[in-house]
Amino acid sequence: LNAQHPRSPAHDEMLFIVQHQTSELWMKLMLHELRAAITCVASDQLADAFKMLARVTRIMEQLVSAWTVLSTMTPPEYSAMRPYLASSSGFQSAQYRCIEFALGNKNAAMLKPHAHRADLLAQVDAAYRSPSLYDEALKLLTRRGLPVPADHLERDWTQPYQESDGVEAAWLAVYRDPHANPAYWDLYQLGEKLTDIEDAFRLWRFRHVTTVERVIGFKRGTGGTGGVSYLRKMLDVVLFPEIWKLRTDL
């Protein structure tokens, strides 16, 4: 409760600080659950993984709701405190970057904002070099006898994921009439848990974009990004493409 230290005389800076600090706490829990879920999927403990992934979705929903509190800040109120932020930005959140990497959105350029802190860089780099949740899900599919292409099972984990017709075919085998195919029922549940997560993650990103546009318009972000224009591009990122595409092809 004593971690808030406003730098400006602006009344609304406390809202800004609390918003970001509480978000970091929720992201700490989300990372805890994501890392454990990845381990569970890798070791075929799906019942435990489902509980953790459901919790990740609920945390994201909590973070979506939090943006509505920050959106009560008006443009003049933000402008009064913005000079005191200097180059500080949510872009510098190591935990958020670890979440993105754990969900498979790998980008080497995103290591640079953490280069000034060796401890944080080590954490982010470890997430960057590790298999994502989706990578482990695909390994699970092949352990269950589904024909996932070899180049999607043993690859450079630091590279962005590339959509595959072969991977979609494996998921289609899981999704076709799952009630009549009990052997794949838990894999079907896993696919839906992943869908829940990406659904919530898209909402989280959308609320972020909308709140930023509402408060600062199209000014550049304090971290040097294009602000709203950059955030809008991030809305196009698809984490688990085959699970979405199969809905058209079923």
Protein backbone atom coordinates (compact mmCIF):
# COMPACT_ATOMS: atom_id res chain seq x y z
CA LEU A 1 0.00 0.00 0.00
CA ASN A 2 3.01 2.29 0.24
CA ALA A 3 4.34 1.63 -3.28
CA GLN A 4 2.61 4.61 -4.91
CA HIS A 5 4.82 7.70 -5.26
CA PRO A 6 3.27 10.33 -7.55
CA ARG A 7 5.75 12.68 -9.20
CA SER A 8 3.31 15.34 -10.34
CA PRO A 9 0.78 17.51 -8.48
CA ALA A 10 -1.97 16.02 -10.68
CA HIS A 11 -4.78 14.34 -8.73
CA ASP A 12 -5.23 11.65 -11.39
CA GLU A 13 -1.67 10.34 -11.29
CA MET A 14 -2.65 8.06 -8.40
CA LEU A 15 -5.22 6.36 -10.67
CA PHE A 16 -2.55 5.88 -13.34
CA ILE A 17 -0.08 4.37 -10.88
CA VAL A 18 -2.58 2.06 -9.18
CA GLN A 19 -3.90 0.86 -12.55
CA HIS A 20 -0.43 -0.21 -13.66
CA GLN A 21 0.65 -1.68 -10.34
CA THR A 22 -2.47 -3.80 -9.96
CA SER A 23 -2.15 -4.94 -13.57
CA GLU A 24 1.40 -6.09 -12.84
CA LEU A 25 0.12 -8.10 -9.87
CA TRP A 26 -2.52 -9.80 -12.00
CA MET A 27 0.08 -10.49 -14.68
CA LYS A 28 2.34 -12.07 -12.05
CA LEU A 29 -0.44 -14.51 -11.24
CA MET A 30 -1.19 -15.05 -14.93
CA LEU A 31 2.43 -15.95 -15.64
CA HIS A 32 2.44 -18.30 -12.66
CA GLU A 33 -0.59 -20.11 -14.07
CA LEU A 34 0.63 -20.07 -17.69
CA ARG A 35 4.02 -21.53 -16.84
CA ALA A 36 2.45 -24.25 -14.74
CA ALA A 37 -0.10 -25.01 -17.47
CA ILE A 38 2.66 -25.34 -20.06
CA THR A 39 4.44 -27.82 -17.79
CA CYS A 40 1.20 -29.76 -17.29
CA VAL A 41 0.45 -29.96 -21.02
CA ALA A 42 4.02 -31.13 -21.64
CA SER A 43 3.55 -33.92 -19.09
CA ASP A 44 0.02 -34.94 -20.19
CA GLN A 45 -1.64 -33.63 -17.02
CA LEU A 46 -4.56 -32.03 -18.82
CA ALA A 47 -7.04 -31.90 -15.94
CA ASP A 48 -4.66 -29.67 -13.98
CA ALA A 49 -3.85 -27.63 -17.09
CA PHE A 50 -7.55 -26.94 -17.74
CA LYS A 51 -7.97 -25.43 -14.27
CA MET A 52 -4.94 -23.19 -14.77
CA LEU A 53 -5.95 -22.09 -18.27
CA ALA A 54 -9.46 -21.25 -17.07
CA ARG A 55 -7.89 -19.07 -14.39
CA VAL A 56 -5.72 -17.33 -17.01
CA THR A 57 -8.89 -16.45 -18.93
CA ARG A 58 -10.54 -15.04 -15.79
CA ILE A 59 -7.46 -12.94 -15.04
CA MET A 60 -7.58 -11.50 -18.55
CA GLU A 61 -11.24 -10.65 -18.03
CA GLN A 62 -10.26 -8.84 -14.83
CA LEU A 63 -7.65 -6.86 -16.77
CA VAL A 64 -10.20 -6.00 -19.47
CA SER A 65 -12.46 -4.56 -16.79
CA ALA A 66 -9.58 -2.58 -15.29
CA TRP A 67 -9.26 -0.52 -18.48
CA THR A 68 -12.74 0.88 -17.85
CA VAL A 69 -11.44 2.45 -14.64
CA LEU A 70 -8.50 4.11 -16.38
CA SER A 71 -10.82 5.37 -19.13
CA THR A 72 -12.41 7.71 -16.57
CA MET A 73 -9.27 9.83 -16.99
CA THR A 74 -9.90 12.61 -19.51
CA PRO A 75 -7.36 13.98 -22.02
CA PRO A 76 -6.69 17.20 -20.01
CA GLU A 77 -6.18 15.14 -16.86
CA TYR A 78 -3.66 12.89 -18.57
CA SER A 79 -1.88 15.84 -20.18
CA ALA A 80 -1.33 17.36 -16.74
CA MET A 81 0.79 14.40 -15.64
CA ARG A 82 2.28 13.18 -18.93
CA PRO A 83 5.47 15.32 -18.75
CA TYR A 84 6.35 13.58 -15.50
CA LEU A 85 6.27 10.14 -17.13
CA ALA A 86 9.31 10.90 -19.31
CA SER A 87 9.98 7.72 -21.33
CA SER A 88 8.19 5.38 -18.92
CA SER A 89 5.74 3.10 -20.70
CA GLY A 90 3.74 -0.09 -20.30
CA PHE A 91 5.84 -1.21 -23.26
CA GLN A 92 8.58 -1.83 -20.67
CA SER A 93 6.60 -4.45 -18.74
CA ALA A 94 8.76 -7.57 -18.64
CA GLN A 95 5.87 -9.64 -17.35
CA TYR A 96 3.62 -8.65 -20.23
CA ARG A 97 6.36 -9.58 -22.69
CA CYS A 98 6.79 -12.97 -21.00
CA ILE A 99 3.04 -13.53 -21.36
CA GLU A 100 3.16 -12.68 -25.07
CA PHE A 101 6.08 -15.07 -25.55
CA ALA A 102 4.42 -17.84 -23.52
CA LEU A 103 1.38 -17.48 -25.80
CA GLY A 104 3.60 -17.72 -28.87
CA ASN A 105 3.93 -14.14 -30.12
CA LYS A 106 7.73 -14.17 -30.47
CA ASN A 107 9.62 -11.07 -31.62
CA ALA A 108 13.35 -10.53 -31.00
CA ALA A 109 12.92 -6.74 -31.07
CA MET A 110 10.86 -6.98 -27.89
CA LEU A 111 13.96 -7.98 -25.92
CA LYS A 112 15.54 -4.55 -26.40
CA PRO A 113 13.33 -2.58 -23.96
CA HIS A 114 14.73 -4.77 -21.16
CA ALA A 115 18.42 -4.57 -22.09
CA HIS A 116 19.09 -2.09 -19.26
CA ARG A 117 18.13 -4.66 -16.61
CA ALA A 118 20.10 -7.91 -16.78
CA ASP A 119 17.72 -9.66 -14.39
CA LEU A 120 14.62 -8.77 -16.41
CA LEU A 121 16.33 -9.47 -19.71
CA ALA A 122 17.21 -12.96 -18.49
CA GLN A 123 13.56 -13.67 -17.65
CA VAL A 124 12.25 -12.36 -20.95
CA ASP A 125 14.96 -14.11 -22.94
CA ALA A 126 14.15 -17.43 -21.23
CA ALA A 127 10.50 -17.06 -22.26
CA TYR A 128 11.59 -16.09 -25.77
CA ARG A 129 13.67 -19.26 -26.17
CA SER A 130 11.15 -21.67 -24.65
CA PRO A 131 8.32 -23.55 -26.38
CA SER A 132 5.04 -21.68 -26.10
CA LEU A 133 1.77 -23.06 -24.76
CA TYR A 134 0.69 -23.79 -28.33
CA ASP A 135 3.99 -25.50 -29.15
CA GLU A 136 3.41 -27.87 -26.25
CA ALA A 137 -0.19 -28.44 -27.34
CA LEU A 138 1.03 -29.53 -30.78
CA LYS A 139 3.55 -31.91 -29.21
CA LEU A 140 0.66 -33.36 -27.22
CA LEU A 141 -1.36 -33.92 -30.39
CA THR A 142 1.42 -35.98 -31.90
CA ARG A 143 1.87 -38.00 -28.70
CA ARG A 144 -1.80 -38.87 -29.08
CA GLY A 145 -1.24 -40.18 -32.59
CA LEU A 146 -2.28 -37.16 -34.64
CA PRO A 147 -0.10 -36.31 -37.67
CA VAL A 148 1.42 -32.92 -36.83
CA PRO A 149 4.09 -31.88 -39.38
CA ALA A 150 7.61 -32.54 -38.09
CA ASP A 151 8.76 -28.99 -38.82
CA HIS A 152 6.21 -27.74 -36.29
CA LEU A 153 7.41 -30.10 -33.56
CA GLU A 154 11.16 -29.49 -33.71
CA ARG A 155 11.84 -25.92 -34.71
CA ASP A 156 13.51 -22.74 -33.56
CA TRP A 157 11.21 -21.65 -30.72
CA THR A 158 12.37 -18.04 -31.07
CA GLN A 159 10.75 -17.72 -34.49
CA PRO A 160 7.15 -16.56 -34.95
CA TYR A 161 4.73 -19.43 -35.43
CA GLN A 162 3.72 -20.17 -39.03
CA GLU A 163 0.22 -21.42 -39.79
CA SER A 164 0.10 -24.95 -41.20
CA ASP A 165 -2.53 -26.90 -43.14
CA GLY A 166 -1.15 -30.06 -41.54
CA VAL A 167 -1.68 -28.68 -38.05
CA GLU A 168 -5.22 -27.65 -38.96
CA ALA A 169 -5.89 -31.19 -40.23
CA ALA A 170 -4.80 -32.57 -36.86
CA TRP A 171 -7.12 -30.21 -34.99
CA LEU A 172 -9.94 -30.98 -37.43
CA ALA A 173 -9.62 -34.65 -36.49
CA VAL A 174 -10.11 -33.61 -32.86
CA TYR A 175 -13.06 -31.31 -33.55
CA ARG A 176 -15.09 -33.49 -35.91
CA ASP A 177 -17.94 -34.93 -33.84
CA PRO A 178 -16.03 -34.85 -30.52
CA HIS A 179 -18.95 -36.36 -28.58
CA ALA A 180 -18.69 -39.51 -30.69
CA ASN A 181 -14.91 -39.71 -30.29
CA PRO A 182 -14.08 -39.97 -26.57
CA ALA A 183 -10.39 -40.64 -27.30
CA TYR A 184 -9.99 -36.98 -28.29
CA TRP A 185 -12.43 -35.40 -25.86
CA ASP A 186 -9.72 -33.92 -23.65
CA LEU A 187 -7.90 -32.56 -26.70
CA TYR A 188 -11.15 -30.93 -27.81
CA GLN A 189 -11.43 -29.35 -24.37
CA LEU A 190 -7.85 -28.12 -24.67
CA GLY A 191 -8.65 -26.52 -28.02
CA GLU A 192 -11.58 -24.68 -26.46
CA LYS A 193 -9.49 -23.54 -23.47
CA LEU A 194 -6.99 -22.07 -25.93
CA THR A 195 -9.85 -20.39 -27.79
CA ASP A 196 -11.13 -18.91 -24.51
CA ILE A 197 -7.68 -17.49 -23.77
CA GLU A 198 -7.25 -15.90 -27.18
CA ASP A 199 -10.80 -14.53 -27.09
CA ALA A 200 -10.08 -12.84 -23.75
CA PHE A 201 -6.64 -11.69 -24.90
CA ARG A 202 -8.16 -9.98 -27.94
CA LEU A 203 -10.63 -8.17 -25.71
CA TRP A 204 -7.80 -7.10 -23.39
CA ARG A 205 -5.86 -5.66 -26.32
CA PHE A 206 -8.95 -3.99 -27.78
CA ARG A 207 -9.79 -2.27 -24.49
CA HIS A 208 -6.18 -1.12 -24.29
CA VAL A 209 -6.34 0.45 -27.76
CA THR A 210 -9.71 2.06 -27.10
CA THR A 211 -8.63 3.50 -23.76
CA VAL A 212 -5.40 4.91 -25.19
CA GLU A 213 -7.25 6.52 -28.11
CA ARG A 214 -9.85 7.94 -25.74
CA VAL A 215 -7.24 9.46 -23.42
CA ILE A 216 -4.37 10.56 -25.69
CA GLY A 217 -5.71 10.28 -29.23
CA PHE A 218 -3.04 9.54 -31.82
CA LYS A 219 -0.07 11.05 -29.98
CA ARG A 220 3.07 8.91 -29.90
CA GLY A 221 3.39 6.64 -26.90
CA THR A 222 5.73 7.61 -24.06
CA GLY A 223 7.82 4.53 -24.85
CA GLY A 224 8.48 5.75 -28.40
CA THR A 225 5.91 3.57 -30.16
CA GLY A 226 3.29 4.85 -32.59
CA GLY A 227 0.70 4.74 -29.82
CA VAL A 228 -2.73 3.81 -31.14
CA SER A 229 -1.44 2.96 -34.62
CA TYR A 230 1.01 0.44 -33.13
CA LEU A 231 -1.59 -1.06 -30.80
CA ARG A 232 -4.06 -1.48 -33.67
CA LYS A 233 -1.50 -3.55 -35.56
CA MET A 234 -1.22 -5.84 -32.54
CA LEU A 235 -4.95 -6.58 -32.85
CA ASP A 236 -4.17 -8.51 -36.04
CA VAL A 237 -1.91 -11.03 -34.28
CA VAL A 238 -3.48 -14.51 -34.13
CA LEU A 239 -1.99 -16.82 -31.51
CA PHE A 240 -3.62 -20.14 -32.36
CA PRO A 241 -4.52 -19.74 -36.05
CA GLU A 242 -5.55 -23.30 -36.92
CA ILE A 243 -8.03 -23.50 -34.05
CA TRP A 244 -9.79 -20.45 -35.46
CA LYS A 245 -9.53 -21.45 -39.11
CA LEU A 246 -11.01 -24.91 -38.58
CA ARG A 247 -14.32 -23.31 -37.62
CA THR A 248 -14.73 -22.28 -41.24
CA ASP A 249 -13.64 -25.66 -42.55
CA LEU A 250 -15.74 -27.90 -40.29
